[in-house]
């Protein structure tokens, strides 16, 4: 459960609730304003940020960006390339239909990042939501489960 403070308020929400609301939210609709919408409004500090959610069974990646940037991403038929580095692992989601690629950096000194990579390696997949910052909150614009090839899975190191 995450505690967030903004403008003097104390807001708590569990990742299980966030994931449930992401699943239930219709495509193109705003996330519920008083719960998951509020969470992302308080948590997202800059465009192009991704948030990791964990419900103890899986990790979910939420990529948050402005409406125009999200509209330029197509993950409908994407694959993932893993780029290991000394102090981080980069997952690059190759965009479908000549769309922009999506780059996510997992730091080796961040426990949540490492736990997410372990889960990805164990489950052989990445579950990703694209959330657009629109007037009034965050809208669910796309969802995709992307399986990794064996070659890419072998590149994931902890």
N, C-alpha and C. Protein backbone atom coordinates (compact mmCIF):
# COMPACT_ATOMS: atom_id res chain seq x y z
N UNK A 1 0.85 -1.17 0.00
CA UNK A 1 0.00 0.00 0.00
C UNK A 1 0.89 1.23 0.00
N UNK A 2 0.52 2.19 -0.78
CA UNK A 2 1.30 3.40 -0.93
C UNK A 2 0.61 4.57 -0.24
N UNK A 3 1.38 5.31 0.54
CA UNK A 3 0.88 6.55 1.15
C UNK A 3 1.36 7.71 0.31
N UNK A 4 0.46 8.55 -0.12
CA UNK A 4 0.82 9.71 -0.90
C UNK A 4 0.33 10.96 -0.19
N UNK A 5 1.15 11.98 -0.19
CA UNK A 5 0.72 13.24 0.39
C UNK A 5 0.88 14.33 -0.65
N UNK A 6 -0.18 15.05 -0.86
CA UNK A 6 -0.16 16.16 -1.80
C UNK A 6 -1.14 17.20 -1.32
N UNK A 7 -0.71 18.42 -1.31
CA UNK A 7 -1.57 19.52 -0.88
C UNK A 7 -2.13 19.25 0.51
N UNK A 8 -1.33 18.62 1.38
CA UNK A 8 -1.73 18.41 2.76
C UNK A 8 -2.65 17.23 2.99
N UNK A 9 -3.01 16.50 1.94
CA UNK A 9 -3.91 15.36 2.13
C UNK A 9 -3.10 14.09 2.31
N UNK A 10 -3.68 13.12 2.97
CA UNK A 10 -3.06 11.82 3.14
C UNK A 10 -3.93 10.80 2.42
N UNK A 11 -3.40 10.20 1.38
CA UNK A 11 -4.17 9.31 0.52
C UNK A 11 -3.50 7.95 0.49
N UNK A 12 -4.25 6.88 0.77
CA UNK A 12 -3.72 5.53 0.75
C UNK A 12 -4.53 4.70 -0.24
N UNK A 13 -3.81 3.87 -1.00
CA UNK A 13 -4.49 2.93 -1.90
C UNK A 13 -3.58 1.73 -2.12
N UNK A 14 -4.17 0.58 -2.21
CA UNK A 14 -3.45 -0.67 -2.38
C UNK A 14 -3.28 -0.97 -3.87
N UNK A 15 -2.14 -1.57 -4.23
CA UNK A 15 -1.90 -1.92 -5.64
C UNK A 15 -2.98 -2.86 -6.18
N UNK A 16 -3.52 -3.74 -5.35
CA UNK A 16 -4.58 -4.65 -5.79
C UNK A 16 -5.80 -3.86 -6.27
N UNK A 17 -6.13 -2.80 -5.55
CA UNK A 17 -7.27 -1.95 -5.92
C UNK A 17 -6.95 -1.24 -7.24
N UNK A 18 -5.74 -0.74 -7.37
CA UNK A 18 -5.34 -0.05 -8.60
C UNK A 18 -5.44 -0.98 -9.81
N UNK A 19 -4.92 -2.19 -9.67
CA UNK A 19 -4.95 -3.15 -10.78
C UNK A 19 -6.38 -3.54 -11.11
N UNK A 20 -7.20 -3.75 -10.10
CA UNK A 20 -8.61 -4.10 -10.32
C UNK A 20 -9.31 -2.97 -11.09
N UNK A 21 -9.06 -1.73 -10.72
CA UNK A 21 -9.69 -0.61 -11.42
C UNK A 21 -9.17 -0.46 -12.85
N UNK A 22 -7.89 -0.76 -13.07
CA UNK A 22 -7.36 -0.73 -14.43
C UNK A 22 -8.05 -1.78 -15.30
N UNK A 23 -8.24 -2.96 -14.74
CA UNK A 23 -8.90 -4.05 -15.48
C UNK A 23 -10.34 -3.67 -15.81
N UNK A 24 -11.04 -3.10 -14.85
CA UNK A 24 -12.46 -2.80 -15.01
C UNK A 24 -12.74 -1.54 -15.83
N UNK A 25 -11.77 -0.65 -15.94
CA UNK A 25 -11.99 0.61 -16.66
C UNK A 25 -12.09 0.34 -18.17
N UNK A 26 -13.16 0.81 -18.81
CA UNK A 26 -13.27 0.64 -20.26
C UNK A 26 -12.18 1.42 -21.00
N UNK A 27 -11.76 0.89 -22.13
CA UNK A 27 -10.75 1.54 -22.95
C UNK A 27 -11.24 2.93 -23.36
N UNK A 28 -10.36 3.92 -23.23
CA UNK A 28 -10.69 5.28 -23.61
C UNK A 28 -11.40 6.08 -22.53
N UNK A 29 -11.68 5.45 -21.41
CA UNK A 29 -12.38 6.13 -20.31
C UNK A 29 -11.39 6.58 -19.23
N UNK A 30 -11.82 7.58 -18.44
CA UNK A 30 -11.02 8.05 -17.32
C UNK A 30 -11.03 7.04 -16.19
N UNK A 31 -9.88 6.92 -15.52
CA UNK A 31 -9.82 6.11 -14.31
C UNK A 31 -10.66 6.80 -13.23
N UNK A 32 -11.20 6.03 -12.27
CA UNK A 32 -12.01 6.63 -11.22
C UNK A 32 -11.27 7.76 -10.50
N UNK A 33 -11.90 8.91 -10.45
CA UNK A 33 -11.27 10.13 -9.96
C UNK A 33 -10.81 10.05 -8.51
N UNK A 34 -11.56 9.40 -7.65
CA UNK A 34 -11.25 9.40 -6.22
C UNK A 34 -10.32 8.27 -5.78
N UNK A 35 -9.91 7.42 -6.69
CA UNK A 35 -9.03 6.32 -6.30
C UNK A 35 -7.84 6.22 -7.26
N UNK A 36 -7.91 5.38 -8.29
CA UNK A 36 -6.75 5.20 -9.17
C UNK A 36 -6.42 6.49 -9.92
N UNK A 37 -7.42 7.25 -10.31
CA UNK A 37 -7.15 8.53 -10.98
C UNK A 37 -6.39 9.47 -10.07
N UNK A 38 -6.77 9.51 -8.81
CA UNK A 38 -6.09 10.35 -7.83
C UNK A 38 -4.67 9.85 -7.60
N UNK A 39 -4.50 8.53 -7.52
CA UNK A 39 -3.17 7.95 -7.33
C UNK A 39 -2.21 8.41 -8.43
N UNK A 40 -2.62 8.23 -9.69
CA UNK A 40 -1.73 8.59 -10.79
C UNK A 40 -1.52 10.10 -10.87
N UNK A 41 -2.53 10.86 -10.55
CA UNK A 41 -2.38 12.32 -10.55
C UNK A 41 -1.35 12.77 -9.54
N UNK A 42 -1.28 12.09 -8.41
CA UNK A 42 -0.33 12.47 -7.38
C UNK A 42 1.05 11.83 -7.60
N UNK A 43 1.08 10.67 -8.18
CA UNK A 43 2.33 9.91 -8.31
C UNK A 43 3.16 10.30 -9.54
N UNK A 44 2.49 10.58 -10.64
CA UNK A 44 3.21 10.86 -11.89
C UNK A 44 3.74 12.30 -11.85
N UNK A 45 5.06 12.40 -11.94
CA UNK A 45 5.71 13.70 -11.84
C UNK A 45 6.12 14.29 -13.18
N UNK A 46 6.26 13.45 -14.20
CA UNK A 46 6.70 13.94 -15.49
C UNK A 46 6.15 13.05 -16.60
N UNK A 47 6.11 13.60 -17.80
CA UNK A 47 5.64 12.84 -18.96
C UNK A 47 6.62 11.72 -19.27
N UNK A 48 6.08 10.61 -19.73
CA UNK A 48 6.92 9.48 -20.09
C UNK A 48 7.36 8.64 -18.90
N UNK A 49 6.63 8.74 -17.81
CA UNK A 49 6.97 8.01 -16.58
C UNK A 49 6.23 6.68 -16.55
N UNK A 50 6.90 5.65 -16.04
CA UNK A 50 6.18 4.41 -15.84
C UNK A 50 6.13 4.07 -14.36
N UNK A 51 5.03 3.46 -13.97
CA UNK A 51 4.79 3.06 -12.60
C UNK A 51 4.62 1.55 -12.56
N UNK A 52 5.21 0.93 -11.55
CA UNK A 52 5.08 -0.51 -11.35
C UNK A 52 4.06 -0.77 -10.26
N UNK A 53 3.12 -1.64 -10.55
CA UNK A 53 2.13 -2.06 -9.56
C UNK A 53 2.29 -3.56 -9.34
N UNK A 54 2.10 -4.02 -8.10
CA UNK A 54 2.30 -5.42 -7.76
C UNK A 54 1.16 -5.89 -6.88
N UNK A 55 0.45 -6.90 -7.33
CA UNK A 55 -0.65 -7.45 -6.51
C UNK A 55 -0.27 -8.80 -5.90
N UNK A 56 1.01 -9.05 -5.73
CA UNK A 56 1.60 -10.26 -5.15
C UNK A 56 1.62 -11.44 -6.11
N UNK A 57 0.83 -11.41 -7.17
CA UNK A 57 0.86 -12.47 -8.17
C UNK A 57 1.62 -12.03 -9.42
N UNK A 58 1.52 -10.74 -9.70
CA UNK A 58 2.11 -10.23 -10.93
C UNK A 58 2.47 -8.77 -10.76
N UNK A 59 3.31 -8.32 -11.68
CA UNK A 59 3.61 -6.91 -11.79
C UNK A 59 2.91 -6.37 -13.03
N UNK A 60 2.44 -5.17 -12.92
CA UNK A 60 1.80 -4.48 -14.04
C UNK A 60 2.58 -3.18 -14.26
N UNK A 61 2.85 -2.88 -15.51
CA UNK A 61 3.53 -1.63 -15.85
C UNK A 61 2.50 -0.66 -16.41
N UNK A 62 2.49 0.53 -15.84
CA UNK A 62 1.61 1.60 -16.33
C UNK A 62 2.50 2.69 -16.89
N UNK A 63 2.43 2.88 -18.19
CA UNK A 63 3.20 3.94 -18.84
C UNK A 63 2.29 5.16 -18.98
N UNK A 64 2.72 6.26 -18.39
CA UNK A 64 1.91 7.48 -18.33
C UNK A 64 2.58 8.59 -19.14
N UNK A 65 1.81 9.17 -20.04
CA UNK A 65 2.35 10.25 -20.87
C UNK A 65 1.20 11.13 -21.32
N UNK A 66 1.53 12.20 -22.03
CA UNK A 66 0.47 13.09 -22.52
C UNK A 66 -0.31 12.40 -23.63
N UNK A 67 -1.46 12.93 -23.91
CA UNK A 67 -2.38 12.31 -24.86
C UNK A 67 -1.77 12.15 -26.25
N UNK A 68 -1.03 13.16 -26.71
CA UNK A 68 -0.41 13.09 -28.04
C UNK A 68 0.63 11.98 -28.10
N UNK A 69 1.49 11.91 -27.09
CA UNK A 69 2.54 10.88 -27.07
C UNK A 69 1.93 9.47 -27.04
N UNK A 70 0.90 9.30 -26.24
CA UNK A 70 0.24 7.98 -26.16
C UNK A 70 -0.40 7.63 -27.50
N UNK A 71 -0.97 8.62 -28.17
CA UNK A 71 -1.62 8.36 -29.46
C UNK A 71 -0.61 7.93 -30.53
N UNK A 72 0.67 8.24 -30.34
CA UNK A 72 1.70 7.86 -31.29
C UNK A 72 2.30 6.49 -31.01
N UNK A 73 1.83 5.85 -29.93
CA UNK A 73 2.31 4.50 -29.58
C UNK A 73 1.30 3.46 -30.05
N UNK A 74 1.80 2.40 -30.63
CA UNK A 74 0.95 1.27 -31.02
C UNK A 74 1.64 0.02 -30.51
N UNK A 75 1.05 -0.60 -29.49
CA UNK A 75 1.64 -1.81 -28.92
C UNK A 75 0.83 -3.06 -29.28
N UNK A 76 -0.03 -2.93 -30.28
CA UNK A 76 -0.93 -4.04 -30.63
C UNK A 76 -0.21 -5.30 -31.08
N UNK A 77 0.95 -5.16 -31.70
CA UNK A 77 1.71 -6.31 -32.18
C UNK A 77 3.19 -6.09 -31.89
N UNK A 78 3.48 -5.76 -30.64
CA UNK A 78 4.84 -5.40 -30.25
C UNK A 78 5.64 -6.59 -29.76
N UNK A 79 6.94 -6.41 -29.76
CA UNK A 79 7.83 -7.36 -29.11
C UNK A 79 8.77 -6.55 -28.23
N UNK A 80 9.43 -7.25 -27.32
CA UNK A 80 10.31 -6.59 -26.36
C UNK A 80 11.74 -7.02 -26.58
N UNK A 81 12.64 -6.04 -26.56
CA UNK A 81 14.07 -6.28 -26.63
C UNK A 81 14.64 -5.90 -25.26
N UNK A 82 15.48 -6.77 -24.71
CA UNK A 82 16.11 -6.53 -23.42
C UNK A 82 17.55 -6.08 -23.67
N UNK A 83 17.93 -4.97 -23.04
CA UNK A 83 19.28 -4.43 -23.18
C UNK A 83 19.91 -4.37 -21.79
N UNK A 84 20.74 -5.37 -21.45
CA UNK A 84 21.38 -5.34 -20.14
C UNK A 84 22.51 -4.31 -20.11
N UNK A 85 22.69 -3.69 -18.96
CA UNK A 85 23.74 -2.70 -18.79
C UNK A 85 24.31 -2.89 -17.39
N UNK A 86 25.38 -2.19 -17.09
CA UNK A 86 26.08 -2.37 -15.83
C UNK A 86 25.20 -2.11 -14.61
N UNK A 87 24.45 -1.03 -14.62
CA UNK A 87 23.66 -0.67 -13.44
C UNK A 87 22.16 -0.60 -13.71
N UNK A 88 21.75 -1.17 -14.84
CA UNK A 88 20.33 -1.14 -15.18
C UNK A 88 20.04 -2.16 -16.28
N UNK A 89 18.75 -2.44 -16.42
CA UNK A 89 18.28 -3.26 -17.53
C UNK A 89 17.22 -2.45 -18.25
N UNK A 90 17.35 -2.36 -19.55
CA UNK A 90 16.41 -1.59 -20.35
C UNK A 90 15.49 -2.57 -21.09
N UNK A 91 14.19 -2.33 -20.97
CA UNK A 91 13.22 -3.07 -21.78
C UNK A 91 12.69 -2.10 -22.82
N UNK A 92 12.87 -2.45 -24.07
CA UNK A 92 12.40 -1.61 -25.16
C UNK A 92 11.25 -2.33 -25.85
N UNK A 93 10.08 -1.70 -25.78
CA UNK A 93 8.91 -2.23 -26.46
C UNK A 93 8.92 -1.66 -27.87
N UNK A 94 9.12 -2.51 -28.85
CA UNK A 94 9.18 -2.06 -30.23
C UNK A 94 7.77 -1.83 -30.74
N UNK A 95 7.51 -0.61 -31.14
CA UNK A 95 6.17 -0.22 -31.57
C UNK A 95 5.74 -0.95 -32.83
N UNK A 96 4.46 -1.20 -32.92
CA UNK A 96 3.86 -1.83 -34.10
C UNK A 96 3.58 -0.77 -35.15
N UNK A 97 3.50 -1.17 -36.39
CA UNK A 97 3.08 -0.29 -37.49
C UNK A 97 3.87 1.01 -37.55
N UNK A 98 5.17 0.90 -37.38
CA UNK A 98 6.09 2.05 -37.45
C UNK A 98 5.80 3.12 -36.40
N UNK A 99 5.19 2.75 -35.29
CA UNK A 99 4.95 3.73 -34.24
C UNK A 99 6.20 3.89 -33.38
N UNK A 100 6.14 4.82 -32.47
CA UNK A 100 7.26 5.07 -31.57
C UNK A 100 7.53 3.84 -30.70
N UNK A 101 8.79 3.68 -30.27
CA UNK A 101 9.15 2.64 -29.32
C UNK A 101 8.96 3.19 -27.91
N UNK A 102 8.85 2.29 -26.98
CA UNK A 102 8.67 2.64 -25.58
C UNK A 102 9.85 2.07 -24.81
N UNK A 103 10.58 2.92 -24.10
CA UNK A 103 11.76 2.48 -23.36
C UNK A 103 11.51 2.58 -21.87
N UNK A 104 11.77 1.47 -21.17
CA UNK A 104 11.61 1.43 -19.72
C UNK A 104 12.92 1.00 -19.09
N UNK A 105 13.37 1.77 -18.10
CA UNK A 105 14.65 1.51 -17.44
C UNK A 105 14.40 0.94 -16.05
N UNK A 106 15.00 -0.21 -15.77
CA UNK A 106 14.92 -0.86 -14.48
C UNK A 106 16.29 -0.77 -13.82
N UNK A 107 16.37 -0.03 -12.74
CA UNK A 107 17.65 0.20 -12.04
C UNK A 107 18.02 -1.00 -11.19
N UNK A 108 19.31 -1.35 -11.21
CA UNK A 108 19.77 -2.51 -10.45
C UNK A 108 19.80 -2.25 -8.95
N UNK A 109 19.81 -0.98 -8.53
CA UNK A 109 19.84 -0.68 -7.10
C UNK A 109 18.45 -0.39 -6.53
N UNK A 110 17.41 -0.67 -7.30
CA UNK A 110 16.03 -0.44 -6.86
C UNK A 110 15.34 -1.80 -6.68
N UNK A 111 14.97 -2.11 -5.45
CA UNK A 111 14.40 -3.43 -5.15
C UNK A 111 13.12 -3.71 -5.94
N UNK A 112 12.23 -2.72 -6.02
CA UNK A 112 10.99 -2.91 -6.76
C UNK A 112 11.27 -3.22 -8.23
N UNK A 113 12.23 -2.50 -8.81
CA UNK A 113 12.61 -2.76 -10.21
C UNK A 113 13.14 -4.18 -10.37
N UNK A 114 13.98 -4.62 -9.44
CA UNK A 114 14.55 -5.96 -9.53
C UNK A 114 13.49 -7.04 -9.31
N UNK A 115 12.57 -6.80 -8.38
CA UNK A 115 11.47 -7.75 -8.17
C UNK A 115 10.61 -7.86 -9.42
N UNK A 116 10.38 -6.73 -10.09
CA UNK A 116 9.60 -6.74 -11.33
C UNK A 116 10.32 -7.56 -12.41
N UNK A 117 11.63 -7.38 -12.54
CA UNK A 117 12.38 -8.14 -13.53
C UNK A 117 12.35 -9.64 -13.22
N UNK A 118 12.44 -9.99 -11.96
CA UNK A 118 12.36 -11.41 -11.57
C UNK A 118 11.00 -11.98 -11.96
N UNK A 119 9.95 -11.20 -11.74
CA UNK A 119 8.60 -11.64 -12.09
C UNK A 119 8.46 -11.79 -13.60
N UNK A 120 9.01 -10.85 -14.35
CA UNK A 120 8.96 -10.92 -15.81
C UNK A 120 9.68 -12.17 -16.30
N UNK A 121 10.84 -12.43 -15.72
CA UNK A 121 11.60 -13.62 -16.14
C UNK A 121 10.84 -14.90 -15.78
N UNK A 122 10.19 -14.91 -14.62
CA UNK A 122 9.44 -16.09 -14.16
C UNK A 122 8.18 -16.33 -15.00
N UNK A 123 7.46 -15.26 -15.32
CA UNK A 123 6.19 -15.40 -16.04
C UNK A 123 6.34 -15.34 -17.55
N UNK A 124 7.50 -14.87 -18.02
CA UNK A 124 7.78 -14.77 -19.45
C UNK A 124 6.89 -13.74 -20.14
N UNK A 125 6.45 -12.72 -19.40
CA UNK A 125 5.58 -11.73 -20.03
C UNK A 125 5.64 -10.39 -19.30
N UNK A 126 5.22 -9.37 -20.05
CA UNK A 126 5.08 -8.03 -19.52
C UNK A 126 3.64 -7.60 -19.75
N UNK A 127 3.00 -7.16 -18.69
CA UNK A 127 1.62 -6.67 -18.77
C UNK A 127 1.69 -5.15 -18.68
N UNK A 128 1.22 -4.46 -19.72
CA UNK A 128 1.40 -3.02 -19.79
C UNK A 128 0.10 -2.29 -20.12
N UNK A 129 -0.09 -1.19 -19.43
CA UNK A 129 -1.20 -0.28 -19.69
C UNK A 129 -0.62 1.05 -20.15
N UNK A 130 -1.22 1.63 -21.16
CA UNK A 130 -0.86 2.98 -21.58
C UNK A 130 -1.93 3.92 -21.05
N UNK A 131 -1.50 4.89 -20.24
CA UNK A 131 -2.42 5.85 -19.63
C UNK A 131 -2.10 7.24 -20.13
N UNK A 132 -3.11 7.91 -20.66
CA UNK A 132 -2.92 9.26 -21.21
C UNK A 132 -3.40 10.29 -20.20
N UNK A 133 -2.56 11.29 -19.99
CA UNK A 133 -2.95 12.43 -19.17
C UNK A 133 -3.82 13.33 -20.02
N UNK A 134 -5.07 13.42 -19.64
CA UNK A 134 -6.03 14.25 -20.36
C UNK A 134 -6.65 15.23 -19.37
N UNK A 135 -7.33 16.22 -19.88
CA UNK A 135 -8.00 17.17 -19.00
C UNK A 135 -8.97 16.39 -18.11
N UNK A 136 -8.74 16.44 -16.83
CA UNK A 136 -9.63 15.76 -15.91
C UNK A 136 -9.07 14.49 -15.31
N UNK A 137 -7.91 14.02 -15.77
CA UNK A 137 -7.34 12.83 -15.16
C UNK A 137 -6.54 11.98 -16.12
N UNK A 138 -6.54 10.69 -15.85
CA UNK A 138 -5.82 9.73 -16.67
C UNK A 138 -6.81 8.78 -17.34
N UNK A 139 -6.64 8.59 -18.64
CA UNK A 139 -7.52 7.71 -19.40
C UNK A 139 -6.74 6.44 -19.79
N UNK A 140 -7.41 5.31 -19.71
CA UNK A 140 -6.84 4.03 -20.15
C UNK A 140 -6.96 3.98 -21.68
N UNK A 141 -5.81 4.00 -22.35
CA UNK A 141 -5.81 4.06 -23.81
C UNK A 141 -5.41 2.75 -24.49
N UNK A 142 -4.65 1.92 -23.80
CA UNK A 142 -4.24 0.65 -24.40
C UNK A 142 -3.83 -0.32 -23.30
N UNK A 143 -3.93 -1.60 -23.63
CA UNK A 143 -3.52 -2.67 -22.72
C UNK A 143 -2.98 -3.81 -23.57
N UNK A 144 -1.88 -4.40 -23.11
CA UNK A 144 -1.31 -5.51 -23.87
C UNK A 144 -0.47 -6.38 -22.95
N UNK A 145 -0.56 -7.67 -23.14
CA UNK A 145 0.36 -8.62 -22.51
C UNK A 145 1.33 -9.04 -23.61
N UNK A 146 2.61 -8.81 -23.37
CA UNK A 146 3.62 -9.12 -24.38
C UNK A 146 4.54 -10.20 -23.83
N UNK A 147 4.63 -11.31 -24.55
CA UNK A 147 5.52 -12.39 -24.15
C UNK A 147 6.92 -12.12 -24.69
N UNK A 148 7.91 -12.51 -23.90
CA UNK A 148 9.31 -12.33 -24.30
C UNK A 148 9.84 -13.62 -24.90
N UNK A 149 10.71 -13.47 -25.87
CA UNK A 149 11.35 -14.65 -26.47
C UNK A 149 12.37 -15.20 -25.48
N UNK A 150 12.75 -16.45 -25.66
CA UNK A 150 13.76 -17.08 -24.79
C UNK A 150 15.08 -16.31 -24.85
N UNK A 151 15.43 -15.84 -26.04
CA UNK A 151 16.68 -15.08 -26.21
C UNK A 151 16.65 -13.82 -25.34
N UNK A 152 15.53 -13.11 -25.33
CA UNK A 152 15.42 -11.88 -24.54
C UNK A 152 15.36 -12.19 -23.05
N UNK A 153 14.65 -13.26 -22.67
CA UNK A 153 14.58 -13.65 -21.25
C UNK A 153 15.96 -13.93 -20.68
N UNK A 154 16.82 -14.57 -21.46
CA UNK A 154 18.17 -14.90 -21.00
C UNK A 154 19.00 -13.66 -20.72
N UNK A 155 18.66 -12.54 -21.30
CA UNK A 155 19.40 -11.29 -21.10
C UNK A 155 19.05 -10.60 -19.79
N UNK A 156 17.96 -11.00 -19.15
CA UNK A 156 17.55 -10.36 -17.90
C UNK A 156 18.43 -10.88 -16.78
N UNK A 157 19.13 -9.95 -16.12
CA UNK A 157 20.03 -10.29 -15.02
C UNK A 157 19.62 -9.50 -13.79
N UNK A 158 19.97 -10.03 -12.62
CA UNK A 158 19.62 -9.36 -11.38
C UNK A 158 20.86 -8.88 -10.66
